[in-house]
Protein backbone atom coordinates (compact mmCIF):
# COMPACT_ATOMS: atom_id res chain seq x y z
CA MET A 1 -1.16 10.73 -8.32
CA GLU A 2 -3.89 8.16 -8.11
CA HIS A 3 -7.33 8.92 -6.68
CA LEU A 4 -8.82 5.88 -4.96
CA ASN A 5 -12.46 5.25 -4.10
CA ASP A 6 -12.13 1.69 -2.86
CA LEU A 7 -11.04 0.78 0.67
CA ILE A 8 -9.64 -2.56 -0.51
CA LYS A 9 -7.39 -0.85 -3.08
CA VAL A 10 -6.16 1.63 -0.47
CA THR A 11 -5.33 -1.18 1.95
CA GLU A 12 -3.66 -3.32 -0.74
CA SER A 13 -1.50 -0.42 -1.91
CA ILE A 14 -0.38 0.41 1.62
CA GLU A 15 0.43 -3.23 2.34
CA ASN A 16 2.07 -4.12 -1.00
CA ASP A 17 3.85 -1.00 -2.24
CA ASP A 18 7.25 -0.21 -0.75
CA LEU A 19 6.59 3.53 -0.36
CA VAL A 20 3.17 5.18 -0.29
CA VAL A 21 2.35 8.84 0.21
CA MET A 22 -1.34 9.07 1.01
CA LEU A 23 -3.39 12.27 1.09
CA PHE A 24 -6.54 11.85 3.15
CA SER A 25 -8.76 14.78 2.25
CA ASP A 26 -12.19 16.14 1.66
CA LEU A 27 -12.96 17.57 -1.77
CA GLY A 28 -14.53 20.55 0.01
CA CYS A 29 -11.19 21.36 1.68
CA ASN A 30 -9.51 24.27 -0.12
CA VAL A 31 -6.10 23.52 1.42
CA CYS A 32 -6.34 19.93 0.19
CA LEU A 33 -7.12 21.14 -3.31
CA SER A 34 -4.31 23.72 -3.26
CA ILE A 35 -1.56 21.21 -2.33
CA TYR A 36 -2.68 18.63 -4.88
CA PRO A 37 -0.58 20.12 -7.75
CA ASP A 38 2.51 20.19 -5.50
CA LEU A 39 1.99 16.53 -4.64
CA GLU A 40 1.51 15.75 -8.32
CA ASP A 41 4.89 17.39 -9.05
CA MET A 42 6.52 15.53 -6.16
CA SER A 43 5.20 12.22 -7.50
CA LYS A 44 7.13 12.85 -10.73
CA ARG A 45 10.37 13.35 -8.78
CA TYR A 46 9.86 10.04 -6.96
CA PRO A 47 8.48 7.71 -9.64
CA LYS A 48 8.87 4.49 -7.65
CA ALA A 49 6.78 5.86 -4.78
CA HIS A 50 3.01 5.50 -4.99
CA PHE A 51 1.24 8.81 -4.41
CA MET A 52 -2.47 8.40 -3.69
CA THR A 53 -5.40 10.43 -2.48
CA ALA A 54 -8.72 9.42 -1.02
CA ASP A 55 -11.78 11.46 -0.09
CA VAL A 56 -12.66 10.45 3.46
CA GLU A 57 -16.13 11.93 3.10
CA VAL A 58 -16.78 9.26 0.46
CA MET A 59 -14.89 6.47 2.28
CA LYS A 60 -15.78 7.09 5.91
CA GLU A 61 -14.13 3.80 6.93
CA LEU A 62 -10.75 5.50 6.47
CA VAL A 63 -11.46 7.87 9.36
CA GLY A 64 -11.49 5.07 11.92
CA LYS A 65 -8.95 2.82 10.25
CA HIS A 66 -6.29 5.54 9.91
CA LEU A 67 -7.43 7.96 12.64
CA ILE A 68 -8.08 10.90 10.33
CA PHE A 69 -9.45 13.82 12.33
CA VAL A 70 -8.36 16.89 10.33
CA TYR A 71 -7.83 17.81 6.68
CA PRO A 72 -5.47 17.59 5.02
CA THR A 73 -3.69 14.60 6.51
CA LEU A 74 -0.72 13.18 4.64
CA VAL A 75 0.70 9.86 5.76
CA VAL A 76 3.91 8.28 4.53
CA PHE A 77 3.86 4.48 4.62
CA ALA A 78 7.13 2.58 4.15
CA GLN A 79 6.84 -1.15 3.56
CA GLY A 80 3.32 -1.26 4.98
CA ARG A 81 3.96 0.78 8.12
CA GLU A 82 3.07 4.34 8.91
CA THR A 83 6.34 6.21 9.30
CA LYS A 84 5.36 9.88 9.35
CA ARG A 85 2.14 11.87 9.53
CA PHE A 86 1.55 15.47 8.50
CA GLU A 87 -1.71 17.10 9.62
CA ARG A 88 -3.42 20.40 8.89
CA VAL A 89 -0.46 22.82 9.02
CA PHE A 90 2.83 21.49 7.68
CA SER A 91 5.62 22.29 5.28
CA LEU A 92 5.75 20.59 1.91
CA ASP A 93 9.54 20.81 2.22
CA ASP A 94 9.33 18.69 5.38
CA LEU A 95 7.13 16.20 3.54
CA GLU A 96 9.54 16.00 0.63
CA SER A 97 12.48 15.57 2.99
CA THR A 98 10.70 12.61 4.59
CA VAL A 99 9.77 11.08 1.23
CA ASN A 100 13.33 11.54 -0.02
CA ARG A 101 14.77 9.90 3.09
CA TYR A 102 12.65 6.76 2.76
CA TYR A 103 13.00 6.73 -1.02
CA GLN A 104 16.80 6.66 -0.70
CA MET A 105 16.65 3.88 1.89
CA ILE A 106 14.19 1.67 0.02
CA PHE A 107 15.15 2.21 -3.60
């Protein structure tokens, strides 16, 4: 899982990678920190997908650009488009099901 601190790199990855799973978080968010290892494990099961995280408190531009209002927010981008959003309370099984679905379609 890649931690990004540059808005340009975030935008380029979303636009250029076929499948991106993006965690928008705040390093002060305990839930965000607790799901990080699960996302790290998931990234190993889907090696062609690009799993990324960004601290929106550091990159405030992400809040407006991607409409991030709560933490954690996970967004799945397929071929540059937002396909599914998971906010605050969600199941990691539902997230993995979504990732698997797009992974099978794209790769």
